[in-house]
C-alpha atoms as a PDB file:
ATOM      1  CA  UNK A   1      65.077 -19.041 -32.973  1.00  0.00           C
ATOM      2  CA  UNK A   2      62.528 -19.896 -35.656  1.00  0.00           C
ATOM      3  CA  UNK A   3      65.189 -21.858 -37.567  1.00  0.00           C
ATOM      4  CA  UNK A   4      65.917 -23.793 -34.424  1.00  0.00           C
ATOM      5  CA  UNK A   5      62.236 -24.647 -34.133  1.00  0.00           C
ATOM      6  CA  UNK A   6      62.198 -25.992 -37.682  1.00  0.00           C
ATOM      7  CA  UNK A   7      65.250 -28.181 -37.205  1.00  0.00           C
ATOM      8  CA  UNK A   8      63.980 -29.486 -33.881  1.00  0.00           C
ATOM      9  CA  UNK A   9      60.614 -30.304 -35.453  1.00  0.00           C
ATOM     10  CA  UNK A  10      62.264 -32.243 -38.297  1.00  0.00           C
ATOM     11  CA  UNK A  11      64.514 -34.221 -35.929  1.00  0.00           C
ATOM     12  CA  UNK A  12      61.620 -35.150 -33.680  1.00  0.00           C
ATOM     13  CA  UNK A  13      59.562 -36.214 -36.676  1.00  0.00           C
ATOM     14  CA  UNK A  14      62.337 -38.491 -37.953  1.00  0.00           C
ATOM     15  CA  UNK A  15      63.071 -40.072 -34.612  1.00  0.00           C
ATOM     16  CA  UNK A  16      59.424 -40.703 -33.894  1.00  0.00           C
ATOM     17  CA  UNK A  17      59.035 -42.858 -37.003  1.00  0.00           C
ATOM     18  CA  UNK A  18      59.374 -46.589 -36.556  1.00  0.00           C
ATOM     19  CA  UNK A  19      62.551 -48.171 -37.837  1.00  0.00           C
ATOM     20  CA  UNK A  20      60.886 -50.651 -40.115  1.00  0.00           C
ATOM     21  CA  UNK A  21      57.369 -49.450 -40.693  1.00  0.00           C
ATOM     22  CA  UNK A  22      56.315 -50.937 -44.000  1.00  0.00           C
ATOM     23  CA  UNK A  23      57.293 -54.431 -43.381  1.00  0.00           C
ATOM     24  CA  UNK A  24      60.391 -55.614 -45.246  1.00  0.00           C
ATOM     25  CA  UNK A  25      61.227 -52.379 -47.069  1.00  0.00           C
ATOM     26  CA  UNK A  26      63.880 -50.157 -45.572  1.00  0.00           C
ATOM     27  CA  UNK A  27      62.535 -47.019 -43.956  1.00  0.00           C
ATOM     28  CA  UNK A  28      64.525 -44.547 -46.063  1.00  0.00           C
ATOM     29  CA  UNK A  29      63.381 -45.936 -49.403  1.00  0.00           C
ATOM     30  CA  UNK A  30      60.737 -44.429 -51.649  1.00  0.00           C
ATOM     31  CA  UNK A  31      58.990 -47.759 -51.661  1.00  0.00           C
ATOM     32  CA  UNK A  32      58.194 -47.437 -47.979  1.00  0.00           C
ATOM     33  CA  UNK A  33      54.819 -45.630 -47.615  1.00  0.00           C
ATOM     34  CA  UNK A  34      55.642 -44.468 -44.142  1.00  0.00           C
ATOM     35  CA  UNK A  35      58.704 -42.674 -45.440  1.00  0.00           C
ATOM     36  CA  UNK A  36      56.672 -41.069 -48.243  1.00  0.00           C
ATOM     37  CA  UNK A  37      54.061 -39.889 -45.714  1.00  0.00           C
ATOM     38  CA  UNK A  38      56.834 -38.511 -43.527  1.00  0.00           C
ATOM     39  CA  UNK A  39      58.398 -36.657 -46.466  1.00  0.00           C
ATOM     40  CA  UNK A  40      54.969 -35.328 -47.512  1.00  0.00           C
ATOM     41  CA  UNK A  41      54.279 -34.198 -43.987  1.00  0.00           C
ATOM     42  CA  UNK A  42      57.647 -32.432 -43.741  1.00  0.00           C
ATOM     43  CA  UNK A  43      57.085 -30.764 -47.140  1.00  0.00           C
ATOM     44  CA  UNK A  44      53.668 -29.697 -45.953  1.00  0.00           C
ATOM     45  CA  UNK A  45      55.178 -28.243 -42.782  1.00  0.00           C
ATOM     46  CA  UNK A  46      57.859 -26.561 -44.872  1.00  0.00           C
ATOM     47  CA  UNK A  47      55.234 -24.961 -47.108  1.00  0.00           C
ATOM     48  CA  UNK A  48      53.326 -23.787 -44.056  1.00  0.00           C
ATOM     49  CA  UNK A  49      56.500 -22.312 -42.604  1.00  0.00           C
ATOM     50  CA  UNK A  50      57.541 -20.809 -45.941  1.00  0.00           C
ATOM     51  CA  UNK A  51      54.265 -18.959 -46.266  1.00  0.00           C
ATOM     52  CA  UNK A  52      54.411 -18.020 -42.599  1.00  0.00           C
ATOM     53  CA  UNK A  53      51.069 -19.654 -41.846  1.00  0.00           C
ATOM     54  CA  UNK A  54      51.843 -20.056 -38.123  1.00  0.00           C
ATOM     55  CA  UNK A  55      52.624 -16.319 -37.926  1.00  0.00           C
ATOM     56  CA  UNK A  56      49.433 -15.510 -39.831  1.00  0.00           C
ATOM     57  CA  UNK A  57      47.427 -17.771 -37.538  1.00  0.00           C
ATOM     58  CA  UNK A  58      49.159 -16.175 -34.549  1.00  0.00           C
ATOM     59  CA  UNK A  59      48.382 -12.701 -35.895  1.00  0.00           C
ATOM     60  CA  UNK A  60      44.760 -13.691 -36.505  1.00  0.00           C
ATOM     61  CA  UNK A  61      44.512 -15.108 -33.001  1.00  0.00           C
ATOM     62  CA  UNK A  62      46.149 -11.967 -31.574  1.00  0.00           C
ATOM     63  CA  UNK A  63      43.723  -9.768 -33.518  1.00  0.00           C
ATOM     64  CA  UNK A  64      40.821 -11.897 -32.319  1.00  0.00           C
ATOM     65  CA  UNK A  65      42.119 -11.683 -28.744  1.00  0.00           C
ATOM     66  CA  UNK A  66      42.456  -7.896 -29.106  1.00  0.00           C
ATOM     67  CA  UNK A  67      38.922  -7.676 -30.502  1.00  0.00           C
ATOM     68  CA  UNK A  68      37.601  -9.761 -27.614  1.00  0.00           C
ATOM     69  CA  UNK A  69      39.556  -7.604 -25.161  1.00  0.00           C
ATOM     70  CA  UNK A  70      38.092  -4.435 -26.742  1.00  0.00           C
ATOM     71  CA  UNK A  71      34.589  -5.913 -26.619  1.00  0.00           C
ATOM     72  CA  UNK A  72      35.081  -6.831 -22.967  1.00  0.00           C
ATOM     73  CA  UNK A  73      36.304  -3.310 -22.207  1.00  0.00           C
ATOM     74  CA  UNK A  74      33.337  -1.851 -24.049  1.00  0.00           C
ATOM     75  CA  UNK A  75      30.999  -4.238 -22.236  1.00  0.00           C
ATOM     76  CA  UNK A  76      32.486  -3.159 -18.878  1.00  0.00           C
ATOM     77  CA  UNK A  77      32.066   0.509 -19.844  1.00  0.00           C
ATOM     78  CA  UNK A  78      28.484  -0.132 -20.934  1.00  0.00           C
ATOM     79  CA  UNK A  79      27.805  -2.021 -17.721  1.00  0.00           C
ATOM     80  CA  UNK A  80      29.218   0.819 -15.623  1.00  0.00           C
ATOM     81  CA  UNK A  81      27.196   3.337 -17.632  1.00  0.00           C
ATOM     82  CA  UNK A  82      24.075   1.210 -17.174  1.00  0.00           C
ATOM     83  CA  UNK A  83      24.722   0.989 -13.426  1.00  0.00           C
ATOM     84  CA  UNK A  84      25.218   4.757 -13.296  1.00  0.00           C
ATOM     85  CA  UNK A  85      21.982   5.309 -15.210  1.00  0.00           C
ATOM     86  CA  UNK A  86      20.161   2.828 -12.993  1.00  0.00           C
ATOM     87  CA  UNK A  87      21.431   4.576  -9.869  1.00  0.00           C
ATOM     88  CA  UNK A  88      20.444   7.930 -11.362  1.00  0.00           C
ATOM     89  CA  UNK A  89      16.958   6.691 -12.211  1.00  0.00           C
ATOM     90  CA  UNK A  90      16.544   5.121  -8.794  1.00  0.00           C
ATOM     91  CA  UNK A  91      17.631   8.387  -7.171  1.00  0.00           C
ATOM     92  CA  UNK A  92      15.239  10.352  -9.388  1.00  0.00           C
ATOM     93  CA  UNK A  93      12.477   7.875  -8.595  1.00  0.00           C
ATOM     94  CA  UNK A  94      13.107   8.339  -4.858  1.00  0.00           C
ATOM     95  CA  UNK A  95      13.091  12.126  -5.330  1.00  0.00           C
ATOM     96  CA  UNK A  96       9.864  11.974  -7.327  1.00  0.00           C
ATOM     97  CA  UNK A  97       8.309   9.692  -4.707  1.00  0.00           C
ATOM     98  CA  UNK A  98       9.363  12.081  -1.944  1.00  0.00           C
ATOM     99  CA  UNK A  99       7.969  15.010  -3.912  1.00  0.00           C
ATOM    100  CA  UNK A 100       4.712  13.128  -4.510  1.00  0.00           C
ATOM    101  CA  UNK A 101       4.515  12.367  -0.776  1.00  0.00           C
ATOM    102  CA  UNK A 102       5.072  16.062  -0.006  1.00  0.00           C
ATOM    103  CA  UNK A 103       2.391  17.061  -2.524  1.00  0.00           C
ATOM    104  CA  UNK A 104      -0.080  14.589  -1.016  1.00  0.00           C
ATOM    105  CA  UNK A 105       0.746  15.796   2.502  1.00  0.00           C
ATOM    106  CA  UNK A 106       0.369  19.443   1.431  1.00  0.00           C
ATOM    107  CA  UNK A 107      -2.935  18.601  -0.255  1.00  0.00           C
ATOM    108  CA  UNK A 108      -4.157  16.914   2.924  1.00  0.00           C
ATOM    109  CA  UNK A 109      -3.086  19.880   5.035  1.00  0.00           C
ATOM    110  CA  UNK A 110      -4.702  22.316   2.573  1.00  0.00           C
ATOM    111  CA  UNK A 111      -7.892  20.241   2.579  1.00  0.00           C
ATOM    112  CA  UNK A 112      -7.904  20.244   6.385  1.00  0.00           C
ATOM    113  CA  UNK A 113      -7.363  24.009   6.431  1.00  0.00           C
ATOM    114  CA  UNK A 114     -10.087  24.495   3.815  1.00  0.00           C
ATOM    115  CA  UNK A 115     -12.457  22.268   5.811  1.00  0.00           C
ATOM    116  CA  UNK A 116     -11.694  24.211   9.000  1.00  0.00           C
ATOM    117  CA  UNK A 117     -12.175  27.511   7.175  1.00  0.00           C
ATOM    118  CA  UNK A 118     -15.449  26.248   5.681  1.00  0.00           C
ATOM    119  CA  UNK A 119     -16.635  25.128   9.128  1.00  0.00           C
ATOM    120  CA  UNK A 120     -15.740  28.540  10.547  1.00  0.00           C
ATOM    121  CA  UNK A 121     -17.505  30.313   7.670  1.00  0.00           C
ATOM    122  CA  UNK A 122     -20.585  28.117   8.185  1.00  0.00           C
ATOM    123  CA  UNK A 123     -20.490  28.798  11.923  1.00  0.00           C
ATOM    124  CA  UNK A 124     -20.214  32.561  11.318  1.00  0.00           C
ATOM    125  CA  UNK A 125     -22.959  32.437   8.677  1.00  0.00           C
ATOM    126  CA  UNK A 126     -25.262  30.439  10.964  1.00  0.00           C
ATOM    127  CA  UNK A 127     -24.586  32.803  13.882  1.00  0.00           C
ATOM    128  CA  UNK A 128     -25.295  35.809  11.602  1.00  0.00           C
ATOM    129  CA  UNK A 129     -28.525  34.214  10.417  1.00  0.00           C
ATOM    130  CA  UNK A 130     -29.513  33.364  13.998  1.00  0.00           C
ATOM    131  CA  UNK A 131     -28.762  36.951  15.039  1.00  0.00           C
ATOM    132  CA  UNK A 132     -30.765  38.279  12.072  1.00  0.00           C
ATOM    133  CA  UNK A 133     -33.654  35.931  12.911  1.00  0.00           C
ATOM    134  CA  UNK A 134     -33.530  36.969  16.579  1.00  0.00           C
ATOM    135  CA  UNK A 135     -33.472  40.606  15.498  1.00  0.00           C
ATOM    136  CA  UNK A 136     -36.471  40.033  13.249  1.00  0.00           C
ATOM    137  CA  UNK A 137     -38.260  38.227  16.081  1.00  0.00           C
ATOM    138  CA  UNK A 138     -37.465  41.075  18.493  1.00  0.00           C
ATOM    139  CA  UNK A 139     -38.600  43.614  15.917  1.00  0.00           C
ATOM    140  CA  UNK A 140     -41.793  41.646  15.307  1.00  0.00           C
ATOM    141  CA  UNK A 141     -42.358  41.393  19.078  1.00  0.00           C
ATOM    142  CA  UNK A 142     -41.780  45.146  19.477  1.00  0.00           C
ATOM    143  CA  UNK A 143     -44.129  45.883  16.585  1.00  0.00           C
ATOM    144  CA  UNK A 144     -46.725  43.533  18.051  1.00  0.00           C
ATOM    145  CA  UNK A 145     -46.365  45.184  21.481  1.00  0.00           C
ATOM    146  CA  UNK A 146     -46.703  48.636  19.876  1.00  0.00           C
ATOM    147  CA  UNK A 147     -49.753  47.493  17.983  1.00  0.00           C
ATOM    148  CA  UNK A 148     -51.227  46.017  21.171  1.00  0.00           C
ATOM    149  CA  UNK A 149     -50.404  49.195  23.155  1.00  0.00           C
ATOM    150  CA  UNK A 150     -51.765  51.442  20.393  1.00  0.00           C
ATOM    151  CA  UNK A 151     -54.860  49.333  20.208  1.00  0.00           C
ATOM    152  CA  UNK A 152     -55.169  49.352  24.032  1.00  0.00           C
ATOM    153  CA  UNK A 153     -54.711  53.134  24.073  1.00  0.00           C
ATOM    154  CA  UNK A 154     -57.263  53.524  21.303  1.00  0.00           C
ATOM    155  CA  UNK A 155     -59.702  51.302  23.173  1.00  0.00           C
ATOM    156  CA  UNK A 156     -58.988  53.114  26.489  1.00  0.00           C
ATOM    157  CA  UNK A 157     -59.408  56.517  24.839  1.00  0.00           C
ATOM    158  CA  UNK A 158     -62.633  55.415  23.218  1.00  0.00           C
ATOM    159  CA  UNK A 159     -63.848  53.930  26.501  1.00  0.00           C
ATOM    160  CA  UNK A 160     -62.817  57.063  28.405  1.00  0.00           C
ATOM    161  CA  UNK A 161     -64.452  59.204  25.768  1.00  0.00           C
ATOM    162  CA  UNK A 162     -67.643  57.206  26.039  1.00  0.00           C
ATOM    163  CA  UNK A 163     -67.503  57.323  29.839  1.00  0.00           C
ATOM    164  CA  UNK A 164     -66.732  61.030  29.942  1.00  0.00           C
ATOM    165  CA  UNK A 165     -69.325  61.752  27.314  1.00  0.00           C
ATOM    166  CA  UNK A 166     -71.877  59.849  29.348  1.00  0.00           C
ATOM    167  CA  UNK A 167     -71.011  61.653  32.604  1.00  0.00           C
ATOM    168  CA  UNK A 168     -70.263  65.014  31.119  1.00  0.00           C
ATOM    169  CA  UNK A 169     -72.876  67.725  31.044  1.00  0.00           C
ATOM    170  CA  UNK A 170     -72.684  70.954  29.087  1.00  0.00           C
ATOM    171  CA  UNK A 171     -72.093  73.097  32.148  1.00  0.00           C
ATOM    172  CA  UNK A 172     -69.415  70.854  33.449  1.00  0.00           C
ATOM    173  CA  UNK A 173     -67.684  70.722  29.988  1.00  0.00           C
ATOM    174  CA  UNK A 174     -67.671  74.545  29.834  1.00  0.00           C
ATOM    175  CA  UNK A 175     -66.198  74.787  33.320  1.00  0.00           C
ATOM    176  CA  UNK A 176     -63.377  72.290  32.404  1.00  0.00           C
ATOM    177  CA  UNK A 177     -62.593  74.275  29.272  1.00  0.00           C
ATOM    178  CA  UNK A 178     -62.427  77.511  31.226  1.00  0.00           C
ATOM    179  CA  UNK A 179     -60.065  75.912  33.787  1.00  0.00           C
ATOM    180  CA  UNK A 180     -57.786  74.593  31.056  1.00  0.00           C
ATOM    181  CA  UNK A 181     -57.634  78.025  29.395  1.00  0.00           C
ATOM    182  CA  UNK A 182     -56.737  79.693  32.668  1.00  0.00           C
ATOM    183  CA  UNK A 183     -53.958  77.137  33.330  1.00  0.00           C
ATOM    184  CA  UNK A 184     -52.531  77.721  29.854  1.00  0.00           C
ATOM    185  CA  UNK A 185     -52.670  81.537  30.305  1.00  0.00           C
ATOM    186  CA  UNK A 186     -50.886  81.247  33.618  1.00  0.00           C
ATOM    187  CA  UNK A 187     -48.126  79.161  32.073  1.00  0.00           C
ATOM    188  CA  UNK A 188     -47.730  81.401  29.087  1.00  0.00           C
ATOM    189  CA  UNK A 189     -47.407  84.592  31.149  1.00  0.00           C
END
Protein backbone atom coordinates (compact mmCIF):
# COMPACT_ATOMS: atom_id res chain seq x y z
CA UNK A 1 0.00 0.00 0.00
CA UNK A 2 2.83 2.42 0.74
CA UNK A 3 4.29 1.79 -2.73
CA UNK A 4 0.93 2.61 -4.21
CA UNK A 5 0.92 5.89 -2.31
CA UNK A 6 4.32 6.80 -3.73
CA UNK A 7 3.35 6.06 -7.32
CA UNK A 8 0.06 7.91 -6.97
CA UNK A 9 1.88 10.92 -5.50
CA UNK A 10 4.36 11.00 -8.40
CA UNK A 11 1.62 10.73 -11.04
CA UNK A 12 -0.41 13.50 -9.46
CA UNK A 13 2.66 15.70 -9.25
CA UNK A 14 3.45 15.21 -12.94
CA UNK A 15 -0.08 15.78 -14.14
CA UNK A 16 -0.49 18.89 -12.05
CA UNK A 17 2.43 20.61 -13.76
CA UNK A 18 1.62 22.91 -16.64
CA UNK A 19 2.44 21.65 -20.10
CA UNK A 20 4.64 24.53 -21.08
CA UNK A 21 5.66 26.28 -17.91
CA UNK A 22 8.91 28.04 -18.72
CA UNK A 23 7.88 29.71 -21.83
CA UNK A 24 9.32 28.23 -25.03
CA UNK A 25 11.34 25.39 -23.49
CA UNK A 26 9.80 21.95 -23.46
CA UNK A 27 8.61 20.81 -20.06
CA UNK A 28 10.73 17.65 -19.89
CA UNK A 29 14.02 19.40 -20.57
CA UNK A 30 16.64 20.29 -17.98
CA UNK A 31 16.53 23.84 -19.23
CA UNK A 32 12.98 24.24 -17.97
CA UNK A 33 13.11 25.48 -14.33
CA UNK A 34 9.70 24.12 -13.58
CA UNK A 35 10.85 20.64 -14.52
CA UNK A 36 13.97 21.01 -12.35
CA UNK A 37 11.82 22.14 -9.40
CA UNK A 38 9.51 19.19 -9.98
CA UNK A 39 12.43 16.76 -10.08
CA UNK A 40 13.92 18.35 -6.94
CA UNK A 41 10.60 18.12 -5.18
CA UNK A 42 10.19 14.46 -6.14
CA UNK A 43 13.76 13.70 -5.00
CA UNK A 44 13.01 15.48 -1.76
CA UNK A 45 9.86 13.42 -1.31
CA UNK A 46 11.82 10.29 -2.17
CA UNK A 47 14.43 11.10 0.47
CA UNK A 48 11.70 11.73 3.01
CA UNK A 49 10.08 8.41 2.13
CA UNK A 50 13.43 6.59 2.08
CA UNK A 51 14.23 7.73 5.59
CA UNK A 52 10.67 7.02 6.66
CA UNK A 53 10.10 10.58 7.83
CA UNK A 54 6.30 10.33 7.51
CA UNK A 55 6.37 7.21 9.72
CA UNK A 56 8.64 8.98 12.21
CA UNK A 57 6.35 12.01 12.22
CA UNK A 58 3.37 9.68 12.61
CA UNK A 59 5.09 7.87 15.48
CA UNK A 60 5.96 11.19 17.12
CA UNK A 61 2.38 12.37 16.72
CA UNK A 62 1.09 9.05 18.09
CA UNK A 63 3.45 9.31 21.07
CA UNK A 64 2.35 12.89 21.63
CA UNK A 65 -1.30 11.83 21.39
CA UNK A 66 -0.63 9.00 23.86
CA UNK A 67 1.12 11.43 26.22
CA UNK A 68 -1.80 13.84 25.98
CA UNK A 69 -4.23 10.96 26.55
CA UNK A 70 -2.24 9.86 29.63
CA UNK A 71 -2.15 13.43 30.94
CA UNK A 72 -5.90 13.73 30.42
CA UNK A 73 -6.46 10.45 32.26
CA UNK A 74 -4.21 11.61 35.07
CA UNK A 75 -6.00 14.96 35.15
CA UNK A 76 -9.37 13.17 35.38
CA UNK A 77 -8.04 10.97 38.20
CA UNK A 78 -6.67 14.02 40.01
CA UNK A 79 -9.96 15.83 39.52
CA UNK A 80 -11.92 12.89 40.90
CA UNK A 81 -9.51 12.63 43.83
CA UNK A 82 -9.85 16.37 44.45
CA UNK A 83 -13.65 16.08 44.35
CA UNK A 84 -13.48 13.15 46.77
CA UNK A 85 -11.22 15.13 49.10
CA UNK A 86 -13.47 18.17 48.82
CA UNK A 87 -16.53 16.08 49.65
CA UNK A 88 -14.65 14.50 52.55
CA UNK A 89 -13.58 17.89 53.89
CA UNK A 90 -17.07 19.30 53.48
CA UNK A 91 -18.49 16.29 55.33
CA UNK A 92 -15.88 16.68 58.08
CA UNK A 93 -16.62 20.40 58.25
CA UNK A 94 -20.35 19.66 58.66
CA UNK A 95 -19.54 17.09 61.35
CA UNK A 96 -17.26 19.53 63.16
CA UNK A 97 -19.91 22.25 62.89
CA UNK A 98 -22.53 19.88 64.28
CA UNK A 99 -20.18 18.89 67.09
CA UNK A 100 -19.44 22.55 67.84
CA UNK A 101 -23.19 23.24 67.92
CA UNK A 102 -23.68 20.33 70.33
CA UNK A 103 -20.83 21.58 72.53
CA UNK A 104 -22.31 25.09 72.60
CA UNK A 105 -25.77 23.70 73.38
CA UNK A 106 -24.34 21.48 76.14
CA UNK A 107 -22.42 24.46 77.54
CA UNK A 108 -25.61 26.53 77.56
CA UNK A 109 -27.54 23.75 79.27
CA UNK A 110 -24.72 23.25 81.80
CA UNK A 111 -24.60 26.99 82.45
CA UNK A 112 -28.38 27.04 82.96
CA UNK A 113 -28.13 24.08 85.34
CA UNK A 114 -25.23 25.71 87.18
CA UNK A 115 -27.18 28.99 87.42
CA UNK A 116 -30.24 27.14 88.74
CA UNK A 117 -28.09 25.22 91.22
CA UNK A 118 -26.40 28.46 92.32
CA UNK A 119 -29.81 30.13 92.76
CA UNK A 120 -30.99 27.16 94.82
CA UNK A 121 -27.81 27.22 96.92
CA UNK A 122 -28.22 30.97 97.47
CA UNK A 123 -31.87 30.48 98.39
CA UNK A 124 -30.96 27.70 100.86
CA UNK A 125 -28.09 29.77 102.27
CA UNK A 126 -30.31 32.84 102.68
CA UNK A 127 -33.05 30.77 104.32
CA UNK A 128 -30.45 29.21 106.69
CA UNK A 129 -29.11 32.65 107.55
CA UNK A 130 -32.64 33.99 108.07
CA UNK A 131 -33.42 31.01 110.31
CA UNK A 132 -30.16 31.54 112.23
CA UNK A 133 -30.93 35.26 112.58
CA UNK A 134 -34.48 34.50 113.74
CA UNK A 135 -33.09 31.97 116.20
CA UNK A 136 -30.62 34.53 117.51
CA UNK A 137 -33.41 37.10 117.78
CA UNK A 138 -35.63 34.60 119.63
CA UNK A 139 -32.73 33.68 121.90
CA UNK A 140 -32.00 37.35 122.54
CA UNK A 141 -35.70 37.97 123.24
CA UNK A 142 -35.81 35.00 125.63
CA UNK A 143 -32.65 36.19 127.36
CA UNK A 144 -34.07 39.70 127.60
CA UNK A 145 -37.35 38.35 129.01
CA UNK A 146 -35.42 36.23 131.53
CA UNK A 147 -33.35 39.22 132.51
CA UNK A 148 -36.50 41.33 132.85
CA UNK A 149 -38.26 38.59 134.87
CA UNK A 150 -35.18 38.02 137.06
CA UNK A 151 -34.89 41.72 137.59
CA UNK A 152 -38.65 41.97 138.31
CA UNK A 153 -38.39 39.06 140.76
CA UNK A 154 -35.36 40.64 142.40
CA UNK A 155 -37.18 43.96 142.67
CA UNK A 156 -40.37 42.23 143.95
CA UNK A 157 -38.39 40.20 146.48
CA UNK A 158 -36.57 43.30 147.64
CA UNK A 159 -39.84 45.23 147.82
CA UNK A 160 -41.54 42.36 149.65
CA UNK A 161 -38.58 42.07 151.96
CA UNK A 162 -38.72 45.77 152.70
CA UNK A 163 -42.49 45.63 153.19
CA UNK A 164 -42.33 42.54 155.38
CA UNK A 165 -39.41 43.92 157.30
CA UNK A 166 -41.35 47.10 157.91
CA UNK A 167 -44.50 45.27 159.07
CA UNK A 168 -42.79 42.42 160.81
CA UNK A 169 -42.22 42.49 164.53
CA UNK A 170 -40.01 40.13 166.49
CA UNK A 171 -42.91 38.26 168.05
CA UNK A 172 -44.66 37.85 164.79
CA UNK A 173 -41.41 36.63 163.06
CA UNK A 174 -40.91 34.02 165.81
CA UNK A 175 -44.49 32.81 165.46
CA UNK A 176 -44.08 32.44 161.62
CA UNK A 177 -40.87 30.48 162.12
CA UNK A 178 -42.54 28.17 164.61
CA UNK A 179 -45.45 27.56 162.20
CA UNK A 180 -43.08 26.76 159.34
CA UNK A 181 -41.14 24.30 161.51
CA UNK A 182 -44.32 22.54 162.55
CA UNK A 183 -45.48 22.25 158.91
CA UNK A 184 -42.12 20.77 157.91
CA UNK A 185 -42.21 18.28 160.84
CA UNK A 186 -45.69 17.20 159.86
CA UNK A 187 -44.62 16.59 156.28
CA UNK A 188 -41.49 14.74 157.25
CA UNK A 189 -43.28 12.35 159.62
